[in-house]
């Protein structure tokens, strides 16, 4: 079988990406393992204060939902003809 331009193209299509991948793999550094301290100490834990603020706990607030009779919820402003464009 003679060496043809088709065979050369196929070899290039296969060899070039493999060469790039091999070069990239060879040039990458392996990262060091993360260093974890043997003991972690936190600052003093804040104690809950008696004067937390008005309204009680943050989870106690009730927010009313949207009204069912609110107006149009379409994003098109002023164009209610139904035509696109």
C-alpha atoms as a PDB file:
ATOM      1  CA  UNK A   1       0.000   0.000   0.000  1.00  0.00           C
ATOM      2  CA  UNK A   2       1.491   3.316  -1.093  1.00  0.00           C
ATOM      3  CA  UNK A   3       1.763   6.309   1.198  1.00  0.00           C
ATOM      4  CA  UNK A   4      -0.965   8.636  -0.040  1.00  0.00           C
ATOM      5  CA  UNK A   5      -2.082  12.149   0.914  1.00  0.00           C
ATOM      6  CA  UNK A   6      -5.170  10.593   2.521  1.00  0.00           C
ATOM      7  CA  UNK A   7      -3.025   8.463   4.779  1.00  0.00           C
ATOM      8  CA  UNK A   8      -0.858  11.473   5.627  1.00  0.00           C
ATOM      9  CA  UNK A   9      -3.952  13.486   6.552  1.00  0.00           C
ATOM     10  CA  UNK A  10      -5.266  10.681   8.736  1.00  0.00           C
ATOM     11  CA  UNK A  11      -1.902  10.366  10.478  1.00  0.00           C
ATOM     12  CA  UNK A  12      -1.795  14.120  11.101  1.00  0.00           C
ATOM     13  CA  UNK A  13      -5.366  14.203  12.427  1.00  0.00           C
ATOM     14  CA  UNK A  14      -4.520  11.462  14.907  1.00  0.00           C
ATOM     15  CA  UNK A  15      -0.922  12.346  15.771  1.00  0.00           C
ATOM     16  CA  UNK A  16      -1.233  16.107  16.324  1.00  0.00           C
ATOM     17  CA  UNK A  17      -3.914  15.998  19.083  1.00  0.00           C
ATOM     18  CA  UNK A  18      -2.159  13.056  20.726  1.00  0.00           C
ATOM     19  CA  UNK A  19       1.100  15.000  20.687  1.00  0.00           C
ATOM     20  CA  UNK A  20      -0.579  18.058  22.186  1.00  0.00           C
ATOM     21  CA  UNK A  21      -2.224  15.959  24.903  1.00  0.00           C
ATOM     22  CA  UNK A  22       1.032  14.165  25.733  1.00  0.00           C
ATOM     23  CA  UNK A  23       2.951  17.449  25.915  1.00  0.00           C
ATOM     24  CA  UNK A  24       0.293  19.014  28.123  1.00  0.00           C
ATOM     25  CA  UNK A  25       0.291  16.006  30.442  1.00  0.00           C
ATOM     26  CA  UNK A  26       4.094  16.011  30.657  1.00  0.00           C
ATOM     27  CA  UNK A  27       4.289  19.715  31.496  1.00  0.00           C
ATOM     28  CA  UNK A  28       1.635  19.813  34.227  1.00  0.00           C
ATOM     29  CA  UNK A  29       2.695  19.823  37.836  1.00  0.00           C
ATOM     30  CA  UNK A  30       0.949  17.576  40.280  1.00  0.00           C
ATOM     31  CA  UNK A  31      -0.546  19.707  43.057  1.00  0.00           C
ATOM     32  CA  UNK A  32       0.641  19.252  46.608  1.00  0.00           C
ATOM     33  CA  UNK A  33      -1.732  17.644  49.044  1.00  0.00           C
ATOM     34  CA  UNK A  34      -3.655  20.222  51.096  1.00  0.00           C
ATOM     35  CA  UNK A  35      -2.178  20.864  54.506  1.00  0.00           C
ATOM     36  CA  UNK A  36      -4.733  20.690  57.302  1.00  0.00           C
ATOM     37  CA  UNK A  37      -3.839  22.155  60.685  1.00  0.00           C
ATOM     38  CA  UNK A  38      -3.867  19.581  63.491  1.00  0.00           C
ATOM     39  CA  UNK A  39      -6.254  21.609  65.644  1.00  0.00           C
ATOM     40  CA  UNK A  40      -8.594  24.463  64.822  1.00  0.00           C
ATOM     41  CA  UNK A  41      -9.580  26.878  67.576  1.00  0.00           C
ATOM     42  CA  UNK A  42     -12.458  29.274  67.153  1.00  0.00           C
ATOM     43  CA  UNK A  43     -12.874  32.556  68.956  1.00  0.00           C
ATOM     44  CA  UNK A  44     -15.395  32.772  71.743  1.00  0.00           C
ATOM     45  CA  UNK A  45     -18.890  31.769  70.734  1.00  0.00           C
ATOM     46  CA  UNK A  46     -21.255  34.742  70.891  1.00  0.00           C
ATOM     47  CA  UNK A  47     -23.973  34.200  73.455  1.00  0.00           C
ATOM     48  CA  UNK A  48     -27.524  35.222  72.568  1.00  0.00           C
ATOM     49  CA  UNK A  49     -28.295  38.635  73.969  1.00  0.00           C
ATOM     50  CA  UNK A  50     -31.565  39.613  75.608  1.00  0.00           C
ATOM     51  CA  UNK A  51     -31.979  42.685  73.381  1.00  0.00           C
ATOM     52  CA  UNK A  52     -32.033  40.957  69.990  1.00  0.00           C
ATOM     53  CA  UNK A  53     -33.961  43.805  68.431  1.00  0.00           C
ATOM     54  CA  UNK A  54     -37.542  44.601  67.569  1.00  0.00           C
ATOM     55  CA  UNK A  55     -39.802  41.978  66.066  1.00  0.00           C
ATOM     56  CA  UNK A  56     -38.477  38.834  67.728  1.00  0.00           C
ATOM     57  CA  UNK A  57     -36.599  36.127  65.919  1.00  0.00           C
ATOM     58  CA  UNK A  58     -35.860  36.579  62.205  1.00  0.00           C
ATOM     59  CA  UNK A  59     -37.912  33.496  61.275  1.00  0.00           C
ATOM     60  CA  UNK A  60     -41.109  34.913  62.850  1.00  0.00           C
ATOM     61  CA  UNK A  61     -41.817  37.479  60.133  1.00  0.00           C
ATOM     62  CA  UNK A  62     -44.722  36.612  57.812  1.00  0.00           C
ATOM     63  CA  UNK A  63     -44.680  38.144  54.362  1.00  0.00           C
ATOM     64  CA  UNK A  64     -47.976  38.232  52.460  1.00  0.00           C
ATOM     65  CA  UNK A  65     -47.986  36.570  49.040  1.00  0.00           C
ATOM     66  CA  UNK A  66     -48.809  38.346  45.784  1.00  0.00           C
ATOM     67  CA  UNK A  67     -52.417  39.202  45.117  1.00  0.00           C
ATOM     68  CA  UNK A  68     -54.299  36.897  42.741  1.00  0.00           C
ATOM     69  CA  UNK A  69     -55.845  39.945  41.083  1.00  0.00           C
ATOM     70  CA  UNK A  70     -52.557  41.606  40.199  1.00  0.00           C
ATOM     71  CA  UNK A  71     -52.345  42.924  36.673  1.00  0.00           C
ATOM     72  CA  UNK A  72     -50.753  41.421  33.608  1.00  0.00           C
ATOM     73  CA  UNK A  73     -47.644  39.350  34.228  1.00  0.00           C
ATOM     74  CA  UNK A  74     -46.336  39.495  30.658  1.00  0.00           C
ATOM     75  CA  UNK A  75     -42.929  40.977  30.028  1.00  0.00           C
ATOM     76  CA  UNK A  76     -43.977  42.899  26.946  1.00  0.00           C
ATOM     77  CA  UNK A  77     -44.811  46.433  27.918  1.00  0.00           C
ATOM     78  CA  UNK A  78     -47.736  47.975  26.062  1.00  0.00           C
ATOM     79  CA  UNK A  79     -47.757  45.501  23.161  1.00  0.00           C
ATOM     80  CA  UNK A  80     -50.838  43.348  23.687  1.00  0.00           C
ATOM     81  CA  UNK A  81     -51.630  42.749  20.008  1.00  0.00           C
ATOM     82  CA  UNK A  82     -50.210  39.223  20.029  1.00  0.00           C
ATOM     83  CA  UNK A  83     -47.914  39.911  17.095  1.00  0.00           C
ATOM     84  CA  UNK A  84     -44.225  39.256  17.332  1.00  0.00           C
ATOM     85  CA  UNK A  85     -41.621  41.406  15.815  1.00  0.00           C
END
